[in-house]
Amino acid sequence: KYPRTPGWRPTSEDNPLNAWYWRCEIEGASGGP
Protein backbone atom coordinates (compact mmCIF):
# COMPACT_ATOMS: atom_id res chain seq x y z
CA LYS A 1 0.00 0.00 0.00
CA TYR A 2 2.88 2.41 0.57
CA PRO A 3 5.60 3.62 -1.84
CA ARG A 4 9.23 2.83 -1.16
CA THR A 5 12.70 2.53 -2.68
CA PRO A 6 14.82 -0.65 -2.38
CA GLY A 7 16.99 0.90 0.33
CA TRP A 8 20.66 0.24 0.85
CA ARG A 9 23.15 -2.07 2.52
CA PRO A 10 24.62 -0.29 5.56
CA THR A 11 28.32 0.43 5.74
CA SER A 12 30.42 -1.07 8.52
CA GLU A 13 30.79 2.41 10.04
CA ASP A 14 27.00 2.67 10.34
CA ASN A 15 26.62 -0.91 11.50
CA PRO A 16 29.31 -1.56 14.14
CA LEU A 17 27.83 -4.76 15.59
CA ASN A 18 26.38 -5.99 12.26
CA ALA A 19 22.82 -5.77 13.60
CA TRP A 20 21.35 -4.32 10.40
CA TYR A 21 21.01 -6.52 7.33
CA TRP A 22 19.46 -3.83 5.14
CA ARG A 23 18.39 -0.23 5.58
CA CYS A 24 15.36 1.48 4.09
CA GLU A 25 12.96 4.30 4.83
CA ILE A 26 9.35 3.29 4.24
CA GLU A 27 6.87 5.79 5.64
CA GLY A 28 3.41 4.67 6.60
CA ALA A 29 0.14 6.51 7.05
CA SER A 30 0.14 10.22 7.90
CA GLY A 31 -1.24 9.46 11.35
CA GLY A 32 -1.88 6.58 13.72
CA PRO A 33 -0.85 5.05 17.06
PDB file of all heavy atoms in Angstrom:
ATOM      1  N   LYS A   1       0.794  -1.225   0.000  1.00  0.00           N
ATOM      2  CA  LYS A   1       0.000   0.000   0.000  1.00  0.00           C
ATOM      3  C   LYS A   1       0.830   1.281   0.000  1.00  0.00           C
ATOM      4  O   LYS A   1       0.306   2.348  -0.326  1.00  0.00           O
ATOM      5  CB  LYS A   1      -0.931   0.003   1.220  1.00  0.00           C
ATOM      6  CG  LYS A   1      -1.903  -1.155   1.251  1.00  0.00           C
ATOM      7  CD  LYS A   1      -2.643  -1.267   2.576  1.00  0.00           C
ATOM      8  CE  LYS A   1      -3.452  -0.052   2.915  1.00  0.00           C
ATOM      9  NZ  LYS A   1      -4.220  -0.257   4.182  1.00  0.00           N
ATOM     10  N   TYR A   2       2.105   1.199   0.372  1.00  0.00           N
ATOM     11  CA  TYR A   2       2.884   2.410   0.570  1.00  0.00           C
ATOM     12  C   TYR A   2       4.125   2.423  -0.320  1.00  0.00           C
ATOM     13  O   TYR A   2       4.795   1.397  -0.458  1.00  0.00           O
ATOM     14  CB  TYR A   2       3.297   2.539   2.041  1.00  0.00           C
ATOM     15  CG  TYR A   2       2.099   2.638   2.969  1.00  0.00           C
ATOM     16  CD1 TYR A   2       1.515   1.481   3.489  1.00  0.00           C
ATOM     17  CD2 TYR A   2       1.533   3.863   3.278  1.00  0.00           C
ATOM     18  CE1 TYR A   2       0.388   1.556   4.311  1.00  0.00           C
ATOM     19  CE2 TYR A   2       0.412   3.950   4.101  1.00  0.00           C
ATOM     20  CZ  TYR A   2      -0.156   2.791   4.614  1.00  0.00           C
ATOM     21  OH  TYR A   2      -1.256   2.882   5.424  1.00  0.00           O
ATOM     22  N   PRO A   3       4.443   3.552  -0.934  1.00  0.00           N
ATOM     23  CA  PRO A   3       5.604   3.625  -1.835  1.00  0.00           C
ATOM     24  C   PRO A   3       6.907   3.477  -1.063  1.00  0.00           C
ATOM     25  O   PRO A   3       6.986   3.799   0.122  1.00  0.00           O
ATOM     26  CB  PRO A   3       5.475   5.014  -2.462  1.00  0.00           C
ATOM     27  CG  PRO A   3       4.697   5.820  -1.460  1.00  0.00           C
ATOM     28  CD  PRO A   3       3.745   4.849  -0.826  1.00  0.00           C
ATOM     29  N   ARG A   4       7.921   2.991  -1.774  1.00  0.00           N
ATOM     30  CA  ARG A   4       9.232   2.830  -1.159  1.00  0.00           C
ATOM     31  C   ARG A   4      10.297   2.667  -2.234  1.00  0.00           C
ATOM     32  O   ARG A   4       9.987   2.352  -3.396  1.00  0.00           O
ATOM     33  CB  ARG A   4       9.262   1.649  -0.182  1.00  0.00           C
ATOM     34  CG  ARG A   4       9.384   0.240  -0.725  1.00  0.00           C
ATOM     35  CD  ARG A   4       8.048  -0.361  -1.195  1.00  0.00           C
ATOM     36  NE  ARG A   4       6.927  -0.256  -0.307  1.00  0.00           N
ATOM     37  CZ  ARG A   4       6.566  -1.181   0.588  1.00  0.00           C
ATOM     38  NH1 ARG A   4       7.267  -2.289   0.699  1.00  0.00           N
ATOM     39  NH2 ARG A   4       5.486  -1.030   1.308  1.00  0.00           N
ATOM     40  N   THR A   5      11.549   2.847  -1.839  1.00  0.00           N
ATOM     41  CA  THR A   5      12.697   2.530  -2.682  1.00  0.00           C
ATOM     42  C   THR A   5      13.332   1.263  -2.125  1.00  0.00           C
ATOM     43  O   THR A   5      13.011   0.847  -1.001  1.00  0.00           O
ATOM     44  CB  THR A   5      13.725   3.670  -2.665  1.00  0.00           C
ATOM     45  OG1 THR A   5      14.207   3.840  -1.320  1.00  0.00           O
ATOM     46  CG2 THR A   5      13.107   4.971  -3.155  1.00  0.00           C
ATOM     47  N   PRO A   6      14.241   0.615  -2.880  1.00  0.00           N
ATOM     48  CA  PRO A   6      14.824  -0.648  -2.384  1.00  0.00           C
ATOM     49  C   PRO A   6      15.689  -0.501  -1.140  1.00  0.00           C
ATOM     50  O   PRO A   6      15.970  -1.490  -0.468  1.00  0.00           O
ATOM     51  CB  PRO A   6      15.668  -1.122  -3.576  1.00  0.00           C
ATOM     52  CG  PRO A   6      15.096  -0.429  -4.761  1.00  0.00           C
ATOM     53  CD  PRO A   6      14.626   0.894  -4.263  1.00  0.00           C
ATOM     54  N   GLY A   7      16.125   0.724  -0.834  1.00  0.00           N
ATOM     55  CA  GLY A   7      16.986   0.902   0.332  1.00  0.00           C
ATOM     56  C   GLY A   7      18.439   0.653   0.007  1.00  0.00           C
ATOM     57  O   GLY A   7      18.853   0.675  -1.151  1.00  0.00           O
ATOM     58  N   TRP A   8      19.229   0.376   1.051  1.00  0.00           N
ATOM     59  CA  TRP A   8      20.665   0.245   0.853  1.00  0.00           C
ATOM     60  C   TRP A   8      21.275  -0.683   1.909  1.00  0.00           C
ATOM     61  O   TRP A   8      20.727  -0.865   2.995  1.00  0.00           O
ATOM     62  CB  TRP A   8      21.329   1.614   0.912  1.00  0.00           C
ATOM     63  CG  TRP A   8      21.257   2.285   2.263  1.00  0.00           C
ATOM     64  CD1 TRP A   8      22.206   2.286   3.233  1.00  0.00           C
ATOM     65  CD2 TRP A   8      20.158   3.052   2.799  1.00  0.00           C
ATOM     66  NE1 TRP A   8      21.793   3.006   4.337  1.00  0.00           N
ATOM     67  CE2 TRP A   8      20.541   3.485   4.092  1.00  0.00           C
ATOM     68  CE3 TRP A   8      18.902   3.413   2.299  1.00  0.00           C
ATOM     69  CZ2 TRP A   8      19.702   4.255   4.898  1.00  0.00           C
ATOM     70  CZ3 TRP A   8      18.074   4.186   3.119  1.00  0.00           C
ATOM     71  CH2 TRP A   8      18.467   4.599   4.398  1.00  0.00           C
ATOM     72  N   ARG A   9      22.417  -1.263   1.547  1.00  0.00           N
ATOM     73  CA  ARG A   9      23.150  -2.075   2.517  1.00  0.00           C
ATOM     74  C   ARG A   9      23.991  -1.133   3.387  1.00  0.00           C
ATOM     75  O   ARG A   9      24.738  -0.306   2.864  1.00  0.00           O
ATOM     76  CB  ARG A   9      24.054  -3.082   1.820  1.00  0.00           C
ATOM     77  CG  ARG A   9      24.719  -4.052   2.790  1.00  0.00           C
ATOM     78  CD  ARG A   9      25.694  -4.975   2.076  1.00  0.00           C
ATOM     79  NE  ARG A   9      25.022  -5.912   1.190  1.00  0.00           N
ATOM     80  CZ  ARG A   9      24.479  -7.066   1.592  1.00  0.00           C
ATOM     81  NH1 ARG A   9      24.519  -7.384   2.876  1.00  0.00           N
ATOM     82  NH2 ARG A   9      23.911  -7.868   0.734  1.00  0.00           N
ATOM     83  N   PRO A  10      23.881  -1.229   4.705  1.00  0.00           N
ATOM     84  CA  PRO A  10      24.617  -0.290   5.563  1.00  0.00           C
ATOM     85  C   PRO A  10      26.123  -0.520   5.501  1.00  0.00           C
ATOM     86  O   PRO A  10      26.591  -1.646   5.303  1.00  0.00           O
ATOM     87  CB  PRO A  10      24.067  -0.605   6.959  1.00  0.00           C
ATOM     88  CG  PRO A  10      23.603  -2.014   6.876  1.00  0.00           C
ATOM     89  CD  PRO A  10      23.098  -2.194   5.482  1.00  0.00           C
ATOM     90  N   THR A  11      26.862   0.547   5.676  1.00  0.00           N
ATOM     91  CA  THR A  11      28.315   0.431   5.743  1.00  0.00           C
ATOM     92  C   THR A  11      28.726  -0.078   7.118  1.00  0.00           C
ATOM     93  O   THR A  11      27.951  -0.016   8.088  1.00  0.00           O
ATOM     94  CB  THR A  11      28.980   1.795   5.504  1.00  0.00           C
ATOM     95  OG1 THR A  11      28.600   2.684   6.573  1.00  0.00           O
ATOM     96  CG2 THR A  11      28.538   2.388   4.176  1.00  0.00           C
ATOM     97  N   SER A  12      29.941  -0.572   7.231  1.00  0.00           N
ATOM     98  CA  SER A  12      30.423  -1.072   8.524  1.00  0.00           C
ATOM     99  C   SER A  12      30.483   0.048   9.558  1.00  0.00           C
ATOM    100  O   SER A  12      30.268  -0.180  10.754  1.00  0.00           O
ATOM    101  CB  SER A  12      31.802  -1.712   8.354  1.00  0.00           C
ATOM    102  OG  SER A  12      32.710  -0.794   7.770  1.00  0.00           O
ATOM    103  N   GLU A  13      30.736   1.277   9.104  1.00  0.00           N
ATOM    104  CA  GLU A  13      30.785   2.408  10.042  1.00  0.00           C
ATOM    105  C   GLU A  13      29.408   2.682  10.639  1.00  0.00           C
ATOM    106  O   GLU A  13      29.296   3.107  11.791  1.00  0.00           O
ATOM    107  CB  GLU A  13      31.290   3.673   9.316  1.00  0.00           C
ATOM    108  CG  GLU A  13      32.747   3.633   8.898  1.00  0.00           C
ATOM    109  CD  GLU A  13      32.984   2.806   7.650  1.00  0.00           C
ATOM    110  OE1 GLU A  13      31.981   2.474   6.953  1.00  0.00           O
ATOM    111  OE2 GLU A  13      34.143   2.450   7.374  1.00  0.00           O
ATOM    112  N   ASP A  14      28.368   2.447   9.861  1.00  0.00           N
ATOM    113  CA  ASP A  14      26.997   2.674  10.345  1.00  0.00           C
ATOM    114  C   ASP A  14      26.389   1.428  10.987  1.00  0.00           C
ATOM    115  O   ASP A  14      25.231   1.457  11.397  1.00  0.00           O
ATOM    116  CB  ASP A  14      26.098   3.113   9.174  1.00  0.00           C
ATOM    117  CG  ASP A  14      26.507   4.455   8.613  1.00  0.00           C
ATOM    118  OD1 ASP A  14      27.029   5.281   9.386  1.00  0.00           O
ATOM    119  OD2 ASP A  14      26.311   4.673   7.404  1.00  0.00           O
ATOM    120  N   ASN A  15      27.160   0.368  11.050  1.00  0.00           N
ATOM    121  CA  ASN A  15      26.621  -0.914  11.503  1.00  0.00           C
ATOM    122  C   ASN A  15      27.688  -1.657  12.323  1.00  0.00           C
ATOM    123  O   ASN A  15      28.101  -2.763  11.976  1.00  0.00           O
ATOM    124  CB  ASN A  15      26.220  -1.742  10.270  1.00  0.00           C
ATOM    125  CG  ASN A  15      25.294  -2.894  10.588  1.00  0.00           C
ATOM    126  OD1 ASN A  15      24.619  -2.899  11.615  1.00  0.00           O
ATOM    127  ND2 ASN A  15      25.259  -3.871   9.704  1.00  0.00           N
ATOM    128  N   PRO A  16      28.131  -1.051  13.432  1.00  0.00           N
ATOM    129  CA  PRO A  16      29.314  -1.563  14.143  1.00  0.00           C
ATOM    130  C   PRO A  16      29.190  -2.983  14.681  1.00  0.00           C
ATOM    131  O   PRO A  16      30.179  -3.707  14.752  1.00  0.00           O
ATOM    132  CB  PRO A  16      29.507  -0.548  15.274  1.00  0.00           C
ATOM    133  CG  PRO A  16      28.166   0.099  15.456  1.00  0.00           C
ATOM    134  CD  PRO A  16      27.575   0.144  14.085  1.00  0.00           C
ATOM    135  N   LEU A  17      28.002  -3.401  15.057  1.00  0.00           N
ATOM    136  CA  LEU A  17      27.828  -4.757  15.587  1.00  0.00           C
ATOM    137  C   LEU A  17      27.130  -5.677  14.583  1.00  0.00           C
ATOM    138  O   LEU A  17      26.741  -6.786  14.923  1.00  0.00           O
ATOM    139  CB  LEU A  17      27.042  -4.716  16.905  1.00  0.00           C
ATOM    140  CG  LEU A  17      27.762  -4.053  18.081  1.00  0.00           C
ATOM    141  CD1 LEU A  17      26.883  -4.049  19.329  1.00  0.00           C
ATOM    142  CD2 LEU A  17      29.087  -4.744  18.372  1.00  0.00           C
ATOM    143  N   ASN A  18      26.956  -5.190  13.345  1.00  0.00           N
ATOM    144  CA  ASN A  18      26.382  -5.988  12.264  1.00  0.00           C
ATOM    145  C   ASN A  18      24.916  -6.342  12.509  1.00  0.00           C
ATOM    146  O   ASN A  18      24.418  -7.370  12.037  1.00  0.00           O
ATOM    147  CB  ASN A  18      27.196  -7.267  12.034  1.00  0.00           C
ATOM    148  CG  ASN A  18      27.048  -7.811  10.628  1.00  0.00           C
ATOM    149  OD1 ASN A  18      26.978  -7.052   9.675  1.00  0.00           O
ATOM    150  ND2 ASN A  18      26.984  -9.124  10.515  1.00  0.00           N
ATOM    151  N   ALA A  19      24.209  -5.476  13.233  1.00  0.00           N
ATOM    152  CA  ALA A  19      22.816  -5.772  13.600  1.00  0.00           C
ATOM    153  C   ALA A  19      21.828  -5.474  12.478  1.00  0.00           C
ATOM    154  O   ALA A  19      20.739  -6.033  12.454  1.00  0.00           O
ATOM    155  CB  ALA A  19      22.427  -5.004  14.857  1.00  0.00           C
ATOM    156  N   TRP A  20      22.194  -4.583  11.565  1.00  0.00           N
ATOM    157  CA  TRP A  20      21.348  -4.325  10.398  1.00  0.00           C
ATOM    158  C   TRP A  20      21.734  -5.282   9.278  1.00  0.00           C
ATOM    159  O   TRP A  20      22.921  -5.478   9.006  1.00  0.00           O
ATOM    160  CB  TRP A  20      21.531  -2.906   9.867  1.00  0.00           C
ATOM    161  CG  TRP A  20      20.954  -1.797  10.675  1.00  0.00           C
ATOM    162  CD1 TRP A  20      21.640  -0.846  11.375  1.00  0.00           C
ATOM    163  CD2 TRP A  20      19.567  -1.475  10.844  1.00  0.00           C
ATOM    164  NE1 TRP A  20      20.772   0.039  11.966  1.00  0.00           N
ATOM    165  CE2 TRP A  20      19.495  -0.326  11.659  1.00  0.00           C
ATOM    166  CE3 TRP A  20      18.381  -2.055  10.388  1.00  0.00           C
ATOM    167  CZ2 TRP A  20      18.283   0.262  12.021  1.00  0.00           C
ATOM    168  CZ3 TRP A  20      17.180  -1.480  10.754  1.00  0.00           C
ATOM    169  CH2 TRP A  20      17.126  -0.330  11.559  1.00  0.00           C
ATOM    170  N   TYR A  21      20.745  -5.839   8.589  1.00  0.00           N
ATOM    171  CA  TYR A  21      21.014  -6.520   7.328  1.00  0.00           C
ATOM    172  C   TYR A  21      20.848  -5.538   6.177  1.00  0.00           C
ATOM    173  O   TYR A  21      21.679  -5.461   5.272  1.00  0.00           O
ATOM    174  CB  TYR A  21      20.068  -7.715   7.134  1.00  0.00           C
ATOM    175  CG  TYR A  21      19.969  -8.162   5.687  1.00  0.00           C
ATOM    176  CD1 TYR A  21      21.119  -8.511   4.973  1.00  0.00           C
ATOM    177  CD2 TYR A  21      18.745  -8.182   5.020  1.00  0.00           C
ATOM    178  CE1 TYR A  21      21.032  -8.885   3.627  1.00  0.00           C
ATOM    179  CE2 TYR A  21      18.658  -8.563   3.690  1.00  0.00           C
ATOM    180  CZ  TYR A  21      19.798  -8.907   3.000  1.00  0.00           C
ATOM    181  OH  TYR A  21      19.727  -9.259   1.675  1.00  0.00           O
ATOM    182  N   TRP A  22      19.780  -4.755   6.221  1.00  0.00           N
ATOM    183  CA  TRP A  22      19.463  -3.830   5.137  1.00  0.00           C
ATOM    184  C   TRP A  22      18.776  -2.609   5.720  1.00  0.00           C
ATOM    185  O   TRP A  22      18.047  -2.725   6.715  1.00  0.00           O
ATOM    186  CB  TRP A  22      18.536  -4.507   4.116  1.00  0.00           C
ATOM    187  CG  TRP A  22      18.562  -3.888   2.755  1.00  0.00           C
ATOM    188  CD1 TRP A  22      17.693  -2.962   2.259  1.00  0.00           C
ATOM    189  CD2 TRP A  22      19.498  -4.155   1.709  1.00  0.00           C
ATOM    190  NE1 TRP A  22      18.027  -2.635   0.972  1.00  0.00           N
ATOM    191  CE2 TRP A  22      19.130  -3.364   0.598  1.00  0.00           C
ATOM    192  CE3 TRP A  22      20.611  -4.993   1.592  1.00  0.00           C
ATOM    193  CZ2 TRP A  22      19.836  -3.367  -0.606  1.00  0.00           C
ATOM    194  CZ3 TRP A  22      21.303  -5.006   0.398  1.00  0.00           C
ATOM    195  CH2 TRP A  22      20.921  -4.205  -0.684  1.00  0.00           C
ATOM    196  N   ARG A  23      19.049  -1.461   5.143  1.00  0.00           N
ATOM    197  CA  ARG A  23      18.394  -0.232   5.583  1.00  0.00           C
ATOM    198  C   ARG A  23      17.398   0.237   4.531  1.00  0.00           C
ATOM    199  O   ARG A  23      17.603   0.032   3.331  1.00  0.00           O
ATOM    200  CB  ARG A  23      19.421   0.877   5.834  1.00  0.00           C
ATOM    201  CG  ARG A  23      20.387   0.613   6.970  1.00  0.00           C
ATOM    202  CD  ARG A  23      19.679   0.496   8.319  1.00  0.00           C
ATOM    203  NE  ARG A  23      18.744   1.562   8.568  1.00  0.00           N
ATOM    204  CZ  ARG A  23      19.089   2.770   9.043  1.00  0.00           C
ATOM    205  NH1 ARG A  23      20.349   3.043   9.300  1.00  0.00           N
ATOM    206  NH2 ARG A  23      18.157   3.688   9.237  1.00  0.00           N
ATOM    207  N   CYS A  24      16.341   0.889   4.983  1.00  0.00           N
ATOM    208  CA  CYS A  24      15.358   1.479   4.089  1.00  0.00           C
ATOM    209  C   CYS A  24      14.631   2.566   4.859  1.00  0.00           C
ATOM    210  O   CYS A  24      14.883   2.784   6.048  1.00  0.00           O
ATOM    211  CB  CYS A  24      14.390   0.431   3.555  1.00  0.00           C
ATOM    212  SG  CYS A  24      13.421  -0.411   4.830  1.00  0.00           S
ATOM    213  N   GLU A  25      13.740   3.241   4.193  1.00  0.00           N
ATOM    214  CA  GLU A  25      12.959   4.300   4.830  1.00  0.00           C
ATOM    215  C   GLU A  25      11.573   4.262   4.209  1.00  0.00           C
ATOM    216  O   GLU A  25      11.301   4.920   3.201  1.00  0.00           O
ATOM    217  CB  GLU A  25      13.630   5.651   4.602  1.00  0.00           C
ATOM    218  CG  GLU A  25      13.145   6.764   5.500  1.00  0.00           C
ATOM    219  CD  GLU A  25      13.706   6.701   6.917  1.00  0.00           C
ATOM    220  OE1 GLU A  25      14.646   5.921   7.144  1.00  0.00           O
ATOM    221  OE2 GLU A  25      13.196   7.439   7.787  1.00  0.00           O
ATOM    222  N   ILE A  26      10.691   3.447   4.781  1.00  0.00           N
ATOM    223  CA  ILE A  26       9.347   3.291   4.244  1.00  0.00           C
ATOM    224  C   ILE A  26       8.372   3.954   5.213  1.00  0.00           C
ATOM    225  O   ILE A  26       8.171   3.478   6.331  1.00  0.00           O
ATOM    226  CB  ILE A  26       8.979   1.812   4.049  1.00  0.00           C
ATOM    227  CG1 ILE A  26      10.029   1.117   3.181  1.00  0.00           C
ATOM    228  CG2 ILE A  26       7.586   1.682   3.435  1.00  0.00           C
ATOM    229  CD1 ILE A  26       9.834  -0.380   3.058  1.00  0.00           C
ATOM    230  N   GLU A  27       7.789   5.047   4.787  1.00  0.00           N
ATOM    231  CA  GLU A  27       6.872   5.790   5.645  1.00  0.00           C
ATOM    232  C   GLU A  27       5.456   5.272   5.476  1.00  0.00           C
ATOM    233  O   GLU A  27       4.992   5.026   4.370  1.00  0.00           O
ATOM    234  CB  GLU A  27       6.930   7.280   5.318  1.00  0.00           C
ATOM    235  CG  GLU A  27       8.273   7.910   5.654  1.00  0.00           C
ATOM    236  CD  GLU A  27       8.259   9.424   5.486  1.00  0.00           C
ATOM    237  OE1 GLU A  27       7.176   9.975   5.221  1.00  0.00           O
ATOM    238  OE2 GLU A  27       9.334  10.026   5.635  1.00  0.00           O
ATOM    239  N   GLY A  28       4.775   5.144   6.608  1.00  0.00           N
ATOM    240  CA  GLY A  28       3.410   4.667   6.599  1.00  0.00           C
ATOM    241  C   GLY A  28       2.400   5.792   6.527  1.00  0.00           C
ATOM    242  O   GLY A  28       2.671   6.866   5.979  1.00  0.00           O
ATOM    243  N   ALA A  29       1.237   5.546   7.100  1.00  0.00           N
ATOM    244  CA  ALA A  29       0.137   6.509   7.050  1.00  0.00           C
ATOM    245  C   ALA A  29       0.529   7.825   7.715  1.00  0.00           C
ATOM    246  O   ALA A  29       1.459   7.886   8.534  1.00  0.00           O
ATOM    247  CB  ALA A  29      -1.102   5.920   7.719  1.00  0.00           C
ATOM    248  N   SER A  30      -0.183   8.883   7.385  1.00  0.00           N
ATOM    249  CA  SER A  30       0.139  10.215   7.903  1.00  0.00           C
ATOM    250  C   SER A  30      -0.169  10.362   9.383  1.00  0.00           C
ATOM    251  O   SER A  30       0.269  11.308  10.032  1.00  0.00           O
ATOM    252  CB  SER A  30      -0.618  11.276   7.101  1.00  0.00           C
ATOM    253  OG  SER A  30      -2.016  11.051   7.179  1.00  0.00           O
ATOM    254  N   GLY A  31      -0.930   9.440   9.928  1.00  0.00           N
ATOM    255  CA  GLY A  31      -1.244   9.456  11.351  1.00  0.00           C
ATOM    256  C   GLY A  31      -1.509   8.056  11.847  1.00  0.00           C
ATOM    257  O   GLY A  31      -1.600   7.108  11.064  1.00  0.00           O
ATOM    258  N   GLY A  32      -1.619   7.897  13.157  1.00  0.00           N
ATOM    259  CA  GLY A  32      -1.880   6.582  13.724  1.00  0.00           C
ATOM    260  C   GLY A  32      -1.139   6.371  15.030  1.00  0.00           C
ATOM    261  O   GLY A  32      -0.296   7.184  15.428  1.00  0.00           O
ATOM    262  N   PRO A  33      -1.429   5.286  15.727  1.00  0.00           N
ATOM    263  CA  PRO A  33      -0.853   5.052  17.062  1.00  0.00           C
ATOM    264  C   PRO A  33       0.657   4.866  17.073  1.00  0.00           C
ATOM    265  O   PRO A  33       1.272   4.964  18.148  1.00  0.00           O
ATOM    266  CB  PRO A  33      -1.576   3.784  17.535  1.00  0.00           C
ATOM    267  CG  PRO A  33      -2.061   3.122  16.288  1.00  0.00           C
ATOM    268  CD  PRO A  33      -2.379   4.235  15.346  1.00  0.00           C
TER     269      PRO A  33
END
